[in-house]
């Protein structure tokens, strides 16, 4: 009888232990979007700390502050900044995900949406753009026909972060060289924080 009671107690203890582990894992996924071993590390900075300064853009450009976009795609942090100038503009978005796996999915989405406004054909990288990042996990740069005429776009994945920047391009206000200088600035900002 004593042996049967011990067996029942052991069964109850194991069942409770399994229940606690499963509940804890479910709560972790619900609250953080990941399990312990796949979660991105804690950071002492926020994506909204990476605002692009007005000095990077044509004189007289209206440079908005970076803010959280109204709709998200499952990220833990997001920031959006818009910039307008005469006959042109730019958009800048930063996303942070709970896992690198989710960031890879968002990166792929952004790359697949760099397409010609009229033909839906993928944009191509012009020879004038030679930007390369030593710290990014993935980088895609391409240009083509967009809503504002010729546009160039950049998407980069840095661990759990995905950055997207696009800009209208012309010979007077935003050249390929100007566009590339902004990419260098963006890359330095995130690299200095992730790899101090």
Protein backbone atom coordinates (compact mmCIF):
# COMPACT_ATOMS: atom_id res chain seq x y z
CA UNK A 1 0.00 0.00 0.00
CA UNK A 2 2.85 2.35 0.89
CA UNK A 3 4.54 1.64 -2.44
CA UNK A 4 1.30 2.37 -4.34
CA UNK A 5 0.92 5.73 -2.52
CA UNK A 6 4.50 6.72 -3.41
CA UNK A 7 3.88 5.79 -7.06
CA UNK A 8 0.72 7.90 -7.14
CA UNK A 9 2.53 10.85 -5.53
CA UNK A 10 5.40 10.53 -8.05
CA UNK A 11 2.89 10.46 -10.93
CA UNK A 12 1.13 13.57 -9.59
CA UNK A 13 4.48 15.35 -9.09
CA UNK A 14 5.59 14.55 -12.66
CA UNK A 15 2.24 15.63 -14.09
CA UNK A 16 2.40 18.92 -12.18
CA UNK A 17 6.01 19.49 -13.28
CA UNK A 18 5.12 18.94 -16.93
CA UNK A 19 2.09 21.23 -16.58
CA UNK A 20 4.23 23.99 -15.02
CA UNK A 21 6.83 23.72 -17.82
CA UNK A 22 4.18 23.77 -20.55
CA UNK A 23 2.34 26.71 -18.96
CA UNK A 24 5.60 28.60 -18.49
CA UNK A 25 6.58 28.00 -22.12
CA UNK A 26 3.14 29.08 -23.34
CA UNK A 27 3.29 32.27 -21.26
CA UNK A 28 6.80 32.99 -22.55
CA UNK A 29 5.65 32.67 -26.16
CA UNK A 30 2.52 34.75 -25.45
CA UNK A 31 4.39 37.55 -23.64
CA UNK A 32 7.68 37.60 -25.57
CA UNK A 33 6.98 35.81 -28.85
CA UNK A 34 9.80 33.30 -28.34
CA UNK A 35 11.21 30.60 -26.11
CA UNK A 36 14.22 31.26 -23.86
CA UNK A 37 16.91 29.88 -26.17
CA UNK A 38 15.72 31.72 -29.29
CA UNK A 39 14.84 35.14 -27.86
CA UNK A 40 16.87 38.17 -28.90
CA UNK A 41 18.98 39.65 -26.08
CA UNK A 42 17.85 42.63 -24.04
CA UNK A 43 19.04 45.95 -25.45
CA UNK A 44 19.71 49.27 -23.73
CA UNK A 45 18.51 51.25 -26.77
CA UNK A 46 15.29 51.53 -28.75
CA UNK A 47 14.77 51.69 -32.52
CA UNK A 48 13.39 55.21 -32.14
CA UNK A 49 16.89 56.32 -31.01
CA UNK A 50 18.08 56.02 -34.65
CA UNK A 51 16.47 59.07 -36.19
CA UNK A 52 17.99 60.33 -39.45
CA UNK A 53 19.24 63.93 -39.11
CA UNK A 54 18.17 66.73 -41.49
CA UNK A 55 21.79 67.30 -42.52
CA UNK A 56 21.65 64.12 -44.65
CA UNK A 57 18.93 65.55 -46.91
CA UNK A 58 18.54 68.41 -49.41
CA UNK A 59 18.30 71.94 -48.02
CA UNK A 60 14.76 72.78 -46.98
CA UNK A 61 13.70 69.15 -46.61
CA UNK A 62 10.89 68.51 -44.14
CA UNK A 63 12.33 65.85 -41.84
CA UNK A 64 9.78 64.26 -39.52
CA UNK A 65 10.62 62.72 -36.19
CA UNK A 66 10.88 58.97 -35.94
CA UNK A 67 7.77 57.49 -34.35
CA UNK A 68 6.02 54.17 -33.90
CA UNK A 69 3.98 53.29 -36.97
CA UNK A 70 0.29 52.73 -36.40
CA UNK A 71 0.26 49.12 -37.60
CA UNK A 72 2.80 46.44 -36.97
CA UNK A 73 3.79 43.06 -38.31
CA UNK A 74 4.55 41.23 -35.07
CA UNK A 75 7.67 43.15 -34.16
CA UNK A 76 8.63 44.05 -30.58
CA UNK A 77 9.71 47.59 -31.58
CA UNK A 78 9.20 49.68 -34.69
CA UNK A 79 9.98 53.16 -35.90
CA UNK A 80 9.06 55.11 -39.02
CA UNK A 81 10.40 58.41 -40.32
CA UNK A 82 9.34 60.32 -43.44
CA UNK A 83 11.26 63.02 -45.24
CA UNK A 84 9.93 65.29 -48.01
CA UNK A 85 11.61 67.83 -50.29
CA UNK A 86 10.65 69.58 -53.51
CA UNK A 87 9.82 66.85 -56.04
CA UNK A 88 11.03 64.02 -53.85
CA UNK A 89 11.07 62.21 -50.57
CA UNK A 90 12.30 59.29 -48.52
CA UNK A 91 10.98 56.73 -46.06
CA UNK A 92 12.85 55.03 -43.24
CA UNK A 93 11.57 52.10 -41.19
CA UNK A 94 13.23 50.04 -38.47
CA UNK A 95 11.82 46.85 -36.98
CA UNK A 96 13.02 44.73 -34.08
CA UNK A 97 11.75 41.18 -33.73
CA UNK A 98 11.78 38.71 -30.86
CA UNK A 99 13.88 36.28 -32.90
CA UNK A 100 16.29 36.40 -35.82
CA UNK A 101 13.99 33.93 -37.61
CA UNK A 102 11.19 36.50 -37.66
CA UNK A 103 13.63 39.21 -38.80
CA UNK A 104 14.72 36.99 -41.71
CA UNK A 105 11.09 36.63 -42.77
CA UNK A 106 10.57 40.42 -42.70
CA UNK A 107 13.82 40.99 -44.59
CA UNK A 108 12.68 38.59 -47.32
CA UNK A 109 9.32 40.38 -47.48
CA UNK A 110 11.01 43.77 -47.98
CA UNK A 111 13.35 42.41 -50.68
CA UNK A 112 10.43 40.84 -52.56
CA UNK A 113 8.58 44.17 -52.58
CA UNK A 114 11.36 46.14 -54.29
CA UNK A 115 9.64 45.98 -57.65
CA UNK A 116 8.83 48.24 -60.58
CA UNK A 117 5.69 50.28 -59.94
CA UNK A 118 4.20 49.51 -63.36
CA UNK A 119 5.63 46.12 -64.45
CA UNK A 120 6.11 44.45 -61.05
CA UNK A 121 9.58 43.35 -62.20
CA UNK A 122 12.31 43.28 -59.49
CA UNK A 123 14.47 46.36 -59.14
CA UNK A 124 18.19 45.99 -59.95
CA UNK A 125 21.30 47.33 -58.24
CA UNK A 126 22.95 50.06 -60.33
CA UNK A 127 26.73 50.05 -60.73
CA UNK A 128 26.89 53.52 -59.11
CA UNK A 129 26.00 52.00 -55.71
CA UNK A 130 28.89 50.11 -54.12
CA UNK A 131 27.80 50.14 -50.45
CA UNK A 132 28.82 47.08 -48.45
CA UNK A 133 28.30 46.34 -44.76
CA UNK A 134 30.80 44.29 -42.77
CA UNK A 135 28.31 43.86 -39.91
CA UNK A 136 24.92 43.21 -41.54
CA UNK A 137 23.73 39.62 -41.81
CA UNK A 138 22.00 40.43 -45.12
CA UNK A 139 21.83 43.50 -47.36
CA UNK A 140 19.82 44.18 -50.51
CA UNK A 141 20.05 47.40 -52.52
CA UNK A 142 18.09 48.00 -55.71
CA UNK A 143 16.66 50.81 -57.81
CA UNK A 144 13.84 51.10 -60.28
CA UNK A 145 10.63 52.80 -61.26
CA UNK A 146 8.66 53.74 -58.15
CA UNK A 147 5.77 56.03 -57.21
CA UNK A 148 8.06 59.08 -57.35
CA UNK A 149 9.93 58.21 -60.55
CA UNK A 150 13.35 56.66 -60.04
CA UNK A 151 13.67 55.24 -56.53
CA UNK A 152 16.31 53.29 -54.69
CA UNK A 153 15.70 51.02 -51.74
CA UNK A 154 17.88 49.40 -49.11
CA UNK A 155 16.95 46.66 -46.70
CA UNK A 156 19.37 45.24 -44.19
CA UNK A 157 19.10 42.65 -41.44
CA UNK A 158 21.30 43.06 -38.40
CA UNK A 159 20.57 40.17 -36.01
CA UNK A 160 16.94 40.70 -34.91
CA UNK A 161 16.67 44.13 -36.60
CA UNK A 162 15.44 44.90 -40.11
CA UNK A 163 15.99 48.33 -41.63
CA UNK A 164 14.31 49.60 -44.77
CA UNK A 165 15.20 52.91 -46.40
CA UNK A 166 13.98 54.17 -49.77
CA UNK A 167 14.38 57.46 -51.55
CA UNK A 168 13.57 59.18 -54.80
CA UNK A 169 16.72 59.74 -56.88
CA UNK A 170 17.55 62.63 -59.19
CA UNK A 171 20.64 64.51 -60.33
CA UNK A 172 19.98 67.66 -58.26
CA UNK A 173 18.53 66.84 -54.84
CA UNK A 174 19.28 63.16 -54.08
CA UNK A 175 22.02 61.53 -56.13
CA UNK A 176 23.26 57.94 -55.90
CA UNK A 177 26.21 59.31 -53.88
CA UNK A 178 23.83 61.08 -51.44
CA UNK A 179 21.77 57.88 -51.12
CA UNK A 180 24.90 55.86 -50.37
CA UNK A 181 26.05 58.33 -47.70
CA UNK A 182 22.74 57.80 -45.91
CA UNK A 183 23.26 54.03 -46.05
CA UNK A 184 26.73 54.47 -44.53
CA UNK A 185 25.21 56.58 -41.74
CA UNK A 186 22.46 54.00 -41.04
CA UNK A 187 24.98 51.15 -41.02
CA UNK A 188 27.27 53.00 -38.60
CA UNK A 189 24.41 53.80 -36.22
CA UNK A 190 23.23 50.21 -35.83
CA UNK A 191 26.73 48.68 -35.99
CA UNK A 192 28.03 50.94 -33.22
CA UNK A 193 25.17 49.81 -30.98
CA UNK A 194 25.22 46.10 -31.76
CA UNK A 195 29.00 45.70 -32.04
CA UNK A 196 30.57 48.33 -29.72
